[in-house]
Amino acid sequence: MFRTVAELVERAEREDILISEVMIRQEMDVKERSREEVYEQMERNLEVMEQAVEDSLKGVESVTGLTGGDAVRVQNYMKENTPLSGNILLDAVSKAMGTNEVNAAMGMICATPTAGSAGVVPGTLFAVKNQLNPTHDQMIRYLFTSGAFGFVVANNAFISGAAGGCQAEVGSAGAMASAAIVEMAGGTPQQCSEAFAMTLKNMLGLVCDPVAGLVEVPCVKRNAGGASLAIVSADLALAGVTSRIPCDEVIGAMYRIGQTMPSELRETGEGGLADTPTGRLLKEKIFGISS
């Protein structure tokens, strides 16, 4: 079993297999399931993600009214204009936000690695799909690659905002997606690692400060940021750019930063944006109580 990214990459290189294949084999060993069983479970995750994206583009709104409809707005903007950031990146933004809007509207999503960061992996997947034209198998492998890196983070740091801030949620999700993009684009296991490191290190220190304690503001738009950074970092890695700080050390830094982060900035809804005048007014409006 691999426990670090270095071990994950070393095994993939030694056996001349993809990162996704390493994860598939580990799942088979740890869960004592057949390849077909492991594969079918991940295929189901892919189906849930695709449905969430499709539902979001029909337009959804949360019960509170804080979020909803932005994924559709972005798609409409793309149809009527030439996006400054490019179609693929903005499509990923739309679909990442959309999936998180579905989550806020109490729809079914696949936590990757959490509900609050559930938009990044599917958002990027269904955006780069339009250019890379992956097979169905490659799309499922995209999720196994994401999961392999998420496995390392979960076992060496944390993936929840309550434990380590949003760097642990959207930061991890963006990094997972970036590694998966690289593999799908034909990059090497080491390049997957480089992309992961560059994404996560650019999200270090990101706090978790949900307005009114709800996974809506600023969570939905942070999924947009995570998706954007994932694509940019993937391109950097594929271009041969590397992270000066090794991937596992970046994960370690994220863990130590999270440990020192005050509780007000770890999903309590007591600091950051939640503690702004508007944030407090929104909380009072929703719950009828003063902050």
C-alpha atoms as a PDB file:
ATOM      1  CA  MET A   1       0.000   0.000   0.000  1.00  0.00           C
ATOM      2  CA  PHE A   2       1.276   3.472  -0.835  1.00  0.00           C
ATOM      3  CA  ARG A   3       1.120   6.107   1.893  1.00  0.00           C
ATOM      4  CA  THR A   4       2.838   9.054   0.237  1.00  0.00           C
ATOM      5  CA  VAL A   5       2.795  10.596  -3.216  1.00  0.00           C
ATOM      6  CA  ALA A   6       6.443   9.633  -3.611  1.00  0.00           C
ATOM      7  CA  GLU A   7       5.523   5.988  -3.018  1.00  0.00           C
ATOM      8  CA  LEU A   8       2.560   6.271  -5.391  1.00  0.00           C
ATOM      9  CA  VAL A   9       4.697   7.691  -8.192  1.00  0.00           C
ATOM     10  CA  GLU A  10       7.535   5.225  -7.538  1.00  0.00           C
ATOM     11  CA  ARG A  11       5.192   2.256  -7.807  1.00  0.00           C
ATOM     12  CA  ALA A  12       3.608   3.551 -11.006  1.00  0.00           C
ATOM     13  CA  GLU A  13       7.020   4.107 -12.585  1.00  0.00           C
ATOM     14  CA  ARG A  14       8.475   0.812 -11.356  1.00  0.00           C
ATOM     15  CA  GLU A  15       5.563  -1.249 -12.663  1.00  0.00           C
ATOM     16  CA  ASP A  16       5.119   0.984 -15.731  1.00  0.00           C
ATOM     17  CA  ILE A  17       1.441   1.571 -15.023  1.00  0.00           C
ATOM     18  CA  LEU A  18      -0.787   4.598 -14.614  1.00  0.00           C
ATOM     19  CA  ILE A  19      -1.531   6.230 -11.266  1.00  0.00           C
ATOM     20  CA  SER A  20      -5.146   5.182 -11.754  1.00  0.00           C
ATOM     21  CA  GLU A  21      -4.090   1.560 -12.122  1.00  0.00           C
ATOM     22  CA  VAL A  22      -2.157   1.719  -8.857  1.00  0.00           C
ATOM     23  CA  MET A  23      -5.311   2.935  -7.136  1.00  0.00           C
ATOM     24  CA  ILE A  24      -7.513   0.280  -8.728  1.00  0.00           C
ATOM     25  CA  ARG A  25      -5.174  -2.485  -7.557  1.00  0.00           C
ATOM     26  CA  GLN A  26      -4.978  -1.036  -4.059  1.00  0.00           C
ATOM     27  CA  GLU A  27      -8.769  -0.861  -3.818  1.00  0.00           C
ATOM     28  CA  MET A  28      -8.965  -4.500  -4.898  1.00  0.00           C
ATOM     29  CA  ASP A  29      -6.443  -5.538  -2.230  1.00  0.00           C
ATOM     30  CA  VAL A  30      -7.723  -3.412   0.658  1.00  0.00           C
ATOM     31  CA  LYS A  31     -11.427  -4.018   0.090  1.00  0.00           C
ATOM     32  CA  GLU A  32     -10.960  -7.592  -1.119  1.00  0.00           C
ATOM     33  CA  ARG A  33     -13.133  -6.937  -4.142  1.00  0.00           C
ATOM     34  CA  SER A  34     -12.804  -7.914  -7.760  1.00  0.00           C
ATOM     35  CA  ARG A  35     -11.693  -5.451 -10.423  1.00  0.00           C
ATOM     36  CA  GLU A  36     -15.247  -5.449 -11.768  1.00  0.00           C
ATOM     37  CA  GLU A  37     -16.721  -4.531  -8.372  1.00  0.00           C
ATOM     38  CA  VAL A  38     -14.240  -1.732  -7.770  1.00  0.00           C
ATOM     39  CA  TYR A  39     -14.717  -0.415 -11.290  1.00  0.00           C
ATOM     40  CA  GLU A  40     -18.517  -0.517 -11.112  1.00  0.00           C
ATOM     41  CA  GLN A  41     -18.549   1.444  -7.866  1.00  0.00           C
ATOM     42  CA  MET A  42     -16.452   4.208  -9.421  1.00  0.00           C
ATOM     43  CA  GLU A  43     -18.606   4.107 -12.545  1.00  0.00           C
ATOM     44  CA  ARG A  44     -21.600   4.825 -10.329  1.00  0.00           C
ATOM     45  CA  ASN A  45     -19.762   7.848  -8.896  1.00  0.00           C
ATOM     46  CA  LEU A  46     -19.197   9.089 -12.426  1.00  0.00           C
ATOM     47  CA  GLU A  47     -22.908   8.744 -13.199  1.00  0.00           C
ATOM     48  CA  VAL A  48     -23.845  10.776 -10.114  1.00  0.00           C
ATOM     49  CA  MET A  49     -21.356  13.485 -11.078  1.00  0.00           C
ATOM     50  CA  GLU A  50     -22.617  13.688 -14.642  1.00  0.00           C
ATOM     51  CA  GLN A  51     -26.217  13.936 -13.464  1.00  0.00           C
ATOM     52  CA  ALA A  52     -25.305  16.718 -11.036  1.00  0.00           C
ATOM     53  CA  VAL A  53     -23.648  18.695 -13.822  1.00  0.00           C
ATOM     54  CA  GLU A  54     -26.650  18.202 -16.105  1.00  0.00           C
ATOM     55  CA  ASP A  55     -29.105  19.185 -13.368  1.00  0.00           C
ATOM     56  CA  SER A  56     -27.136  22.330 -12.570  1.00  0.00           C
ATOM     57  CA  LEU A  57     -27.250  23.517 -16.163  1.00  0.00           C
ATOM     58  CA  LYS A  58     -31.035  23.358 -16.076  1.00  0.00           C
ATOM     59  CA  GLY A  59     -30.916  25.860 -13.208  1.00  0.00           C
ATOM     60  CA  VAL A  60     -31.126  25.137  -9.485  1.00  0.00           C
ATOM     61  CA  GLU A  61     -31.522  27.323  -6.407  1.00  0.00           C
ATOM     62  CA  SER A  62     -30.907  26.641  -2.741  1.00  0.00           C
ATOM     63  CA  VAL A  63     -33.657  26.895  -0.131  1.00  0.00           C
ATOM     64  CA  THR A  64     -32.030  29.990   1.340  1.00  0.00           C
ATOM     65  CA  GLY A  65     -31.705  31.681  -2.037  1.00  0.00           C
ATOM     66  CA  LEU A  66     -28.054  32.427  -1.339  1.00  0.00           C
ATOM     67  CA  THR A  67     -26.869  30.391  -4.305  1.00  0.00           C
ATOM     68  CA  GLY A  68     -28.158  29.082  -7.600  1.00  0.00           C
ATOM     69  CA  GLY A  69     -28.263  29.915 -11.263  1.00  0.00           C
ATOM     70  CA  ASP A  70     -24.667  31.052 -11.654  1.00  0.00           C
ATOM     71  CA  ALA A  71     -23.655  27.975 -13.654  1.00  0.00           C
ATOM     72  CA  VAL A  72     -26.344  28.833 -16.196  1.00  0.00           C
ATOM     73  CA  ARG A  73     -25.313  32.490 -16.256  1.00  0.00           C
ATOM     74  CA  VAL A  74     -21.748  31.529 -17.102  1.00  0.00           C
ATOM     75  CA  GLN A  75     -22.881  29.174 -19.874  1.00  0.00           C
ATOM     76  CA  ASN A  76     -25.043  31.925 -21.361  1.00  0.00           C
ATOM     77  CA  TYR A  77     -22.127  34.353 -21.179  1.00  0.00           C
ATOM     78  CA  MET A  78     -19.951  31.869 -23.060  1.00  0.00           C
ATOM     79  CA  LYS A  79     -22.534  31.576 -25.832  1.00  0.00           C
ATOM     80  CA  GLU A  80     -22.775  35.316 -26.306  1.00  0.00           C
ATOM     81  CA  ASN A  81     -19.137  36.343 -25.789  1.00  0.00           C
ATOM     82  CA  THR A  82     -15.550  35.245 -26.234  1.00  0.00           C
ATOM     83  CA  PRO A  83     -14.427  34.497 -22.652  1.00  0.00           C
ATOM     84  CA  LEU A  84     -11.235  36.216 -21.593  1.00  0.00           C
ATOM     85  CA  SER A  85     -10.155  33.094 -19.721  1.00  0.00           C
ATOM     86  CA  GLY A  86     -10.966  30.680 -22.549  1.00  0.00           C
ATOM     87  CA  ASN A  87     -13.820  28.268 -23.115  1.00  0.00           C
ATOM     88  CA  ILE A  88     -12.401  25.198 -21.379  1.00  0.00           C
ATOM     89  CA  LEU A  89     -11.447  27.011 -18.208  1.00  0.00           C
ATOM     90  CA  LEU A  90     -14.743  28.872 -17.982  1.00  0.00           C
ATOM     91  CA  ASP A  91     -16.719  25.732 -18.794  1.00  0.00           C
ATOM     92  CA  ALA A  92     -14.951  24.031 -15.878  1.00  0.00           C
ATOM     93  CA  VAL A  93     -15.814  26.986 -13.676  1.00  0.00           C
ATOM     94  CA  SER A  94     -19.475  26.776 -14.669  1.00  0.00           C
ATOM     95  CA  LYS A  95     -19.727  23.052 -14.082  1.00  0.00           C
ATOM     96  CA  ALA A  96     -17.780  23.169 -10.814  1.00  0.00           C
ATOM     97  CA  MET A  97     -20.056  25.914  -9.498  1.00  0.00           C
ATOM     98  CA  GLY A  98     -23.076  24.084 -10.853  1.00  0.00           C
ATOM     99  CA  THR A  99     -22.288  20.845  -9.064  1.00  0.00           C
ATOM    100  CA  ASN A 100     -21.843  22.747  -5.826  1.00  0.00           C
ATOM    101  CA  GLU A 101     -25.121  24.575  -6.467  1.00  0.00           C
ATOM    102  CA  VAL A 102     -26.801  21.174  -6.719  1.00  0.00           C
ATOM    103  CA  ASN A 103     -25.248  20.296  -3.372  1.00  0.00           C
ATOM    104  CA  ALA A 104     -26.613  23.506  -1.800  1.00  0.00           C
ATOM    105  CA  ALA A 105     -30.025  22.735  -3.294  1.00  0.00           C
ATOM    106  CA  MET A 106     -29.980  19.353  -1.524  1.00  0.00           C
ATOM    107  CA  GLY A 107     -29.397  17.398  -4.718  1.00  0.00           C
ATOM    108  CA  MET A 108     -27.276  14.269  -5.030  1.00  0.00           C
ATOM    109  CA  ILE A 109     -23.556  14.809  -5.500  1.00  0.00           C
ATOM    110  CA  CYS A 110     -20.418  12.755  -4.986  1.00  0.00           C
ATOM    111  CA  ALA A 111     -18.194  14.101  -2.216  1.00  0.00           C
ATOM    112  CA  THR A 112     -14.766  14.614  -3.783  1.00  0.00           C
ATOM    113  CA  PRO A 113     -13.315  14.770  -1.248  1.00  0.00           C
ATOM    114  CA  THR A 114     -16.153  16.583   0.575  1.00  0.00           C
ATOM    115  CA  ALA A 115     -19.601  17.946  -0.256  1.00  0.00           C
ATOM    116  CA  GLY A 116     -18.355  21.510   0.017  1.00  0.00           C
ATOM    117  CA  SER A 117     -15.665  20.866  -2.592  1.00  0.00           C
ATOM    118  CA  ALA A 118     -17.684  18.447  -4.712  1.00  0.00           C
ATOM    119  CA  GLY A 119     -17.705  20.602  -7.833  1.00  0.00           C
ATOM    120  CA  VAL A 120     -14.031  20.739  -8.734  1.00  0.00           C
ATOM    121  CA  VAL A 121     -13.355  17.185  -9.916  1.00  0.00           C
ATOM    122  CA  PRO A 122     -16.532  16.775 -12.020  1.00  0.00           C
ATOM    123  CA  GLY A 123     -16.372  20.357 -13.226  1.00  0.00           C
ATOM    124  CA  THR A 124     -12.895  19.909 -14.647  1.00  0.00           C
ATOM    125  CA  LEU A 125     -13.599  16.419 -15.942  1.00  0.00           C
ATOM    126  CA  PHE A 126     -16.623  17.388 -18.001  1.00  0.00           C
ATOM    127  CA  ALA A 127     -14.862  20.492 -19.293  1.00  0.00           C
ATOM    128  CA  VAL A 128     -11.604  18.900 -20.487  1.00  0.00           C
ATOM    129  CA  LYS A 129     -13.668  16.039 -21.929  1.00  0.00           C
ATOM    130  CA  ASN A 130     -14.628  18.328 -24.791  1.00  0.00           C
ATOM    131  CA  GLN A 131     -10.991  18.710 -25.872  1.00  0.00           C
ATOM    132  CA  LEU A 132      -9.346  15.455 -24.819  1.00  0.00           C
ATOM    133  CA  ASN A 133     -12.206  13.207 -26.025  1.00  0.00           C
ATOM    134  CA  PRO A 134     -11.533  10.483 -23.442  1.00  0.00           C
ATOM    135  CA  THR A 135     -13.001   7.012 -23.566  1.00  0.00           C
ATOM    136  CA  HIS A 136     -15.478   5.978 -20.893  1.00  0.00           C
ATOM    137  CA  ASP A 137     -12.681   4.005 -19.241  1.00  0.00           C
ATOM    138  CA  GLN A 138     -10.415   7.064 -19.164  1.00  0.00           C
ATOM    139  CA  MET A 139     -13.152   9.087 -17.489  1.00  0.00           C
ATOM    140  CA  ILE A 140     -13.486   6.487 -14.763  1.00  0.00           C
ATOM    141  CA  ARG A 141      -9.712   6.364 -14.414  1.00  0.00           C
ATOM    142  CA  TYR A 142      -9.784  10.140 -13.961  1.00  0.00           C
ATOM    143  CA  LEU A 143     -11.686   9.508 -10.736  1.00  0.00           C
ATOM    144  CA  PHE A 144      -9.299   6.779  -9.602  1.00  0.00           C
ATOM    145  CA  THR A 145      -6.352   9.120 -10.137  1.00  0.00           C
ATOM    146  CA  SER A 146      -8.112  11.839  -8.158  1.00  0.00           C
ATOM    147  CA  GLY A 147      -8.845   9.304  -5.456  1.00  0.00           C
ATOM    148  CA  ALA A 148      -5.252   8.125  -5.246  1.00  0.00           C
ATOM    149  CA  PHE A 149      -4.008  11.606  -4.412  1.00  0.00           C
ATOM    150  CA  GLY A 150      -6.973  12.249  -2.132  1.00  0.00           C
ATOM    151  CA  PHE A 151      -6.113   9.050  -0.292  1.00  0.00           C
ATOM    152  CA  VAL A 152      -2.649  10.394   0.499  1.00  0.00           C
ATOM    153  CA  VAL A 153      -4.008  13.728   1.723  1.00  0.00           C
ATOM    154  CA  ALA A 154      -6.657  12.105   3.907  1.00  0.00           C
ATOM    155  CA  ASN A 155      -4.066   9.870   5.554  1.00  0.00           C
ATOM    156  CA  ASN A 156      -1.360  12.482   6.032  1.00  0.00           C
ATOM    157  CA  ALA A 157      -3.268  15.721   6.609  1.00  0.00           C
ATOM    158  CA  PHE A 158      -6.995  16.440   6.451  1.00  0.00           C
ATOM    159  CA  ILE A 159      -9.743  16.995   3.895  1.00  0.00           C
ATOM    160  CA  SER A 160     -12.341  18.790   6.013  1.00  0.00           C
ATOM    161  CA  GLY A 161     -12.756  22.516   6.497  1.00  0.00           C
ATOM    162  CA  ALA A 162     -13.511  21.979  10.172  1.00  0.00           C
ATOM    163  CA  ALA A 163     -10.125  20.357  10.631  1.00  0.00           C
ATOM    164  CA  GLY A 164      -7.899  22.440   8.381  1.00  0.00           C
ATOM    165  CA  GLY A 165      -9.762  25.217   6.601  1.00  0.00           C
ATOM    166  CA  CYS A 166     -10.849  25.360   2.969  1.00  0.00           C
ATOM    167  CA  GLN A 167      -7.278  24.636   1.881  1.00  0.00           C
ATOM    168  CA  ALA A 168      -8.079  21.087   3.001  1.00  0.00           C
ATOM    169  CA  GLU A 169     -11.316  20.952   1.007  1.00  0.00           C
ATOM    170  CA  VAL A 170     -11.189  22.965  -2.209  1.00  0.00           C
ATOM    171  CA  GLY A 171      -7.393  22.972  -2.039  1.00  0.00           C
ATOM    172  CA  SER A 172      -7.282  19.181  -1.992  1.00  0.00           C
ATOM    173  CA  ALA A 173     -10.052  18.887  -4.590  1.00  0.00           C
ATOM    174  CA  GLY A 174      -8.281  21.238  -6.980  1.00  0.00           C
ATOM    175  CA  ALA A 175      -5.011  19.394  -6.571  1.00  0.00           C
ATOM    176  CA  MET A 176      -6.685  16.012  -7.073  1.00  0.00           C
ATOM    177  CA  ALA A 177      -8.346  17.247 -10.251  1.00  0.00           C
ATOM    178  CA  SER A 178      -5.105  18.718 -11.568  1.00  0.00           C
ATOM    179  CA  ALA A 179      -3.285  15.398 -11.216  1.00  0.00           C
ATOM    180  CA  ALA A 180      -6.128  13.593 -12.955  1.00  0.00           C
ATOM    181  CA  ILE A 181      -6.152  16.067 -15.841  1.00  0.00           C
ATOM    182  CA  VAL A 182      -2.457  15.435 -16.410  1.00  0.00           C
ATOM    183  CA  GLU A 183      -2.893  11.672 -16.599  1.00  0.00           C
ATOM    184  CA  MET A 184      -5.847  11.994 -18.979  1.00  0.00           C
ATOM    185  CA  ALA A 185      -3.773  14.329 -21.165  1.00  0.00           C
ATOM    186  CA  GLY A 186      -0.996  11.739 -21.402  1.00  0.00           C
ATOM    187  CA  GLY A 187       1.328  13.097 -18.750  1.00  0.00           C
ATOM    188  CA  THR A 188       3.637  10.999 -16.599  1.00  0.00           C
ATOM    189  CA  PRO A 189       3.038   9.968 -12.978  1.00  0.00           C
ATOM    190  CA  GLN A 190       5.669  12.489 -11.891  1.00  0.00           C
ATOM    191  CA  GLN A 191       3.930  15.241 -13.837  1.00  0.00           C
ATOM    192  CA  CYS A 192       0.703  14.330 -12.051  1.00  0.00           C
ATOM    193  CA  SER A 193       2.561  14.863  -8.795  1.00  0.00           C
ATOM    194  CA  GLU A 194       3.942  18.209  -9.943  1.00  0.00           C
ATOM    195  CA  ALA A 195       0.482  19.446 -10.939  1.00  0.00           C
ATOM    196  CA  PHE A 196      -0.948  18.387  -7.594  1.00  0.00           C
ATOM    197  CA  ALA A 197       1.792  20.193  -5.699  1.00  0.00           C
ATOM    198  CA  MET A 198       1.466  23.410  -7.701  1.00  0.00           C
ATOM    199  CA  THR A 199      -2.293  23.538  -7.187  1.00  0.00           C
ATOM    200  CA  LEU A 200      -2.237  22.818  -3.473  1.00  0.00           C
ATOM    201  CA  LYS A 201       0.615  25.168  -2.645  1.00  0.00           C
ATOM    202  CA  ASN A 202      -1.268  28.008  -4.311  1.00  0.00           C
ATOM    203  CA  MET A 203      -4.231  27.380  -2.033  1.00  0.00           C
ATOM    204  CA  LEU A 204      -2.328  27.098   1.243  1.00  0.00           C
ATOM    205  CA  GLY A 205      -3.862  29.141   4.039  1.00  0.00           C
ATOM    206  CA  LEU A 206      -7.336  29.278   2.477  1.00  0.00           C
ATOM    207  CA  VAL A 207      -9.783  29.603   5.358  1.00  0.00           C
ATOM    208  CA  CYS A 208     -13.212  28.032   5.762  1.00  0.00           C
ATOM    209  CA  ASP A 209     -15.640  30.839   6.630  1.00  0.00           C
ATOM    210  CA  PRO A 210     -19.147  29.873   5.462  1.00  0.00           C
ATOM    211  CA  VAL A 211     -21.709  32.643   5.799  1.00  0.00           C
ATOM    212  CA  ALA A 212     -24.409  31.609   8.280  1.00  0.00           C
ATOM    213  CA  GLY A 213     -22.548  28.316   8.628  1.00  0.00           C
ATOM    214  CA  LEU A 214     -24.003  27.080   5.324  1.00  0.00           C
ATOM    215  CA  VAL A 215     -22.049  25.438   2.527  1.00  0.00           C
ATOM    216  CA  GLU A 216     -23.010  28.108  -0.002  1.00  0.00           C
ATOM    217  CA  VAL A 217     -21.173  31.422   0.340  1.00  0.00           C
ATOM    218  CA  PRO A 218     -18.280  31.519  -0.481  1.00  0.00           C
ATOM    219  CA  CYS A 219     -18.078  27.767  -1.093  1.00  0.00           C
ATOM    220  CA  VAL A 220     -19.686  27.680  -4.540  1.00  0.00           C
ATOM    221  CA  LYS A 221     -17.342  30.273  -5.996  1.00  0.00           C
ATOM    222  CA  ARG A 222     -14.331  28.706  -4.301  1.00  0.00           C
ATOM    223  CA  ASN A 223     -15.070  25.592  -6.337  1.00  0.00           C
ATOM    224  CA  ALA A 224     -14.742  27.858  -9.376  1.00  0.00           C
ATOM    225  CA  GLY A 225     -11.340  28.993  -8.150  1.00  0.00           C
ATOM    226  CA  GLY A 226     -10.211  25.442  -7.460  1.00  0.00           C
ATOM    227  CA  ALA A 227     -11.234  24.296 -10.932  1.00  0.00           C
ATOM    228  CA  SER A 228      -9.422  27.202 -12.566  1.00  0.00           C
ATOM    229  CA  LEU A 229      -6.196  26.561 -10.707  1.00  0.00           C
ATOM    230  CA  ALA A 230      -6.405  22.831 -11.428  1.00  0.00           C
ATOM    231  CA  ILE A 231      -6.414  23.419 -15.181  1.00  0.00           C
ATOM    232  CA  VAL A 232      -3.650  26.008 -15.072  1.00  0.00           C
ATOM    233  CA  SER A 233      -1.417  23.791 -12.925  1.00  0.00           C
ATOM    234  CA  ALA A 234      -2.044  20.831 -15.207  1.00  0.00           C
ATOM    235  CA  ASP A 235      -0.866  22.879 -18.169  1.00  0.00           C
ATOM    236  CA  LEU A 236       2.203  23.997 -16.238  1.00  0.00           C
ATOM    237  CA  ALA A 237       3.119  20.421 -15.363  1.00  0.00           C
ATOM    238  CA  LEU A 238       2.556  19.197 -18.920  1.00  0.00           C
ATOM    239  CA  ALA A 239       4.825  22.039 -20.104  1.00  0.00           C
ATOM    240  CA  GLY A 240       7.597  20.687 -17.901  1.00  0.00           C
ATOM    241  CA  VAL A 241       7.268  23.152 -15.025  1.00  0.00           C
ATOM    242  CA  THR A 242       7.966  21.586 -11.637  1.00  0.00           C
ATOM    243  CA  SER A 243       7.280  22.439  -8.023  1.00  0.00           C
ATOM    244  CA  ARG A 244      10.417  23.377  -6.106  1.00  0.00           C
ATOM    245  CA  ILE A 245       8.787  21.950  -2.975  1.00  0.00           C
ATOM    246  CA  PRO A 246       8.051  18.200  -3.295  1.00  0.00           C
ATOM    247  CA  CYS A 247       4.420  17.149  -3.276  1.00  0.00           C
ATOM    248  CA  ASP A 248       4.501  15.367   0.092  1.00  0.00           C
ATOM    249  CA  GLU A 249       6.145  18.372   1.721  1.00  0.00           C
ATOM    250  CA  VAL A 250       3.376  20.611   0.368  1.00  0.00           C
ATOM    251  CA  ILE A 251       0.821  18.291   1.947  1.00  0.00           C
ATOM    252  CA  GLY A 252       2.764  18.444   5.210  1.00  0.00           C
ATOM    253  CA  ALA A 253       2.807  22.231   5.076  1.00  0.00           C
ATOM    254  CA  MET A 254      -0.960  22.280   4.548  1.00  0.00           C
ATOM    255  CA  TYR A 255      -1.383  20.092   7.622  1.00  0.00           C
ATOM    256  CA  ARG A 256       0.745  22.334   9.832  1.00  0.00           C
ATOM    257  CA  ILE A 257      -0.999  25.481   8.582  1.00  0.00           C
ATOM    258  CA  GLY A 258      -4.360  23.932   9.366  1.00  0.00           C
ATOM    259  CA  GLN A 259      -3.248  23.063  12.875  1.00  0.00           C
ATOM    260  CA  THR A 260      -2.388  26.691  13.596  1.00  0.00           C
ATOM    261  CA  MET A 261      -5.541  28.124  12.017  1.00  0.00           C
ATOM    262  CA  PRO A 262      -7.901  29.628  14.616  1.00  0.00           C
ATOM    263  CA  SER A 263     -11.256  27.921  15.119  1.00  0.00           C
ATOM    264  CA  GLU A 264     -13.060  30.998  13.777  1.00  0.00           C
ATOM    265  CA  LEU A 265     -11.598  30.179  10.362  1.00  0.00           C
ATOM    266  CA  ARG A 266     -12.412  26.468  10.369  1.00  0.00           C
ATOM    267  CA  GLU A 267     -16.045  26.077   9.322  1.00  0.00           C
ATOM    268  CA  THR A 268     -17.550  27.607  12.449  1.00  0.00           C
ATOM    269  CA  GLY A 269     -19.066  30.526  10.560  1.00  0.00           C
ATOM    270  CA  GLU A 270     -17.615  32.915  13.124  1.00  0.00           C
ATOM    271  CA  GLY A 271     -14.785  34.583  11.204  1.00  0.00           C
ATOM    272  CA  GLY A 272     -13.680  35.756   7.792  1.00  0.00           C
ATOM    273  CA  LEU A 273     -16.479  36.466   5.328  1.00  0.00           C
ATOM    274  CA  ALA A 274     -19.043  35.103   7.772  1.00  0.00           C
ATOM    275  CA  ASP A 275     -18.118  37.875  10.189  1.00  0.00           C
ATOM    276  CA  THR A 276     -18.512  40.751   7.734  1.00  0.00           C
ATOM    277  CA  PRO A 277     -21.469  43.131   8.136  1.00  0.00           C
ATOM    278  CA  THR A 278     -23.214  41.569   5.142  1.00  0.00           C
ATOM    279  CA  GLY A 279     -22.372  38.060   6.317  1.00  0.00           C
ATOM    280  CA  ARG A 280     -23.967  38.746   9.696  1.00  0.00           C
ATOM    281  CA  LEU A 281     -27.052  40.326   8.079  1.00  0.00           C
ATOM    282  CA  LEU A 282     -27.520  37.286   5.850  1.00  0.00           C
ATOM    283  CA  LYS A 283     -27.329  34.999   8.850  1.00  0.00           C
ATOM    284  CA  GLU A 284     -29.925  37.062  10.675  1.00  0.00           C
ATOM    285  CA  LYS A 285     -32.173  37.070   7.622  1.00  0.00           C
ATOM    286  CA  ILE A 286     -31.972  33.313   7.202  1.00  0.00           C
ATOM    287  CA  PHE A 287     -32.216  32.231  10.815  1.00  0.00           C
ATOM    288  CA  GLY A 288     -33.859  35.250  12.399  1.00  0.00           C
ATOM    289  CA  ILE A 289     -31.094  35.611  14.954  1.00  0.00           C
ATOM    290  CA  SER A 290     -28.445  38.245  15.456  1.00  0.00           C
ATOM    291  CA  SER A 291     -24.786  37.252  15.241  1.00  0.00           C
END
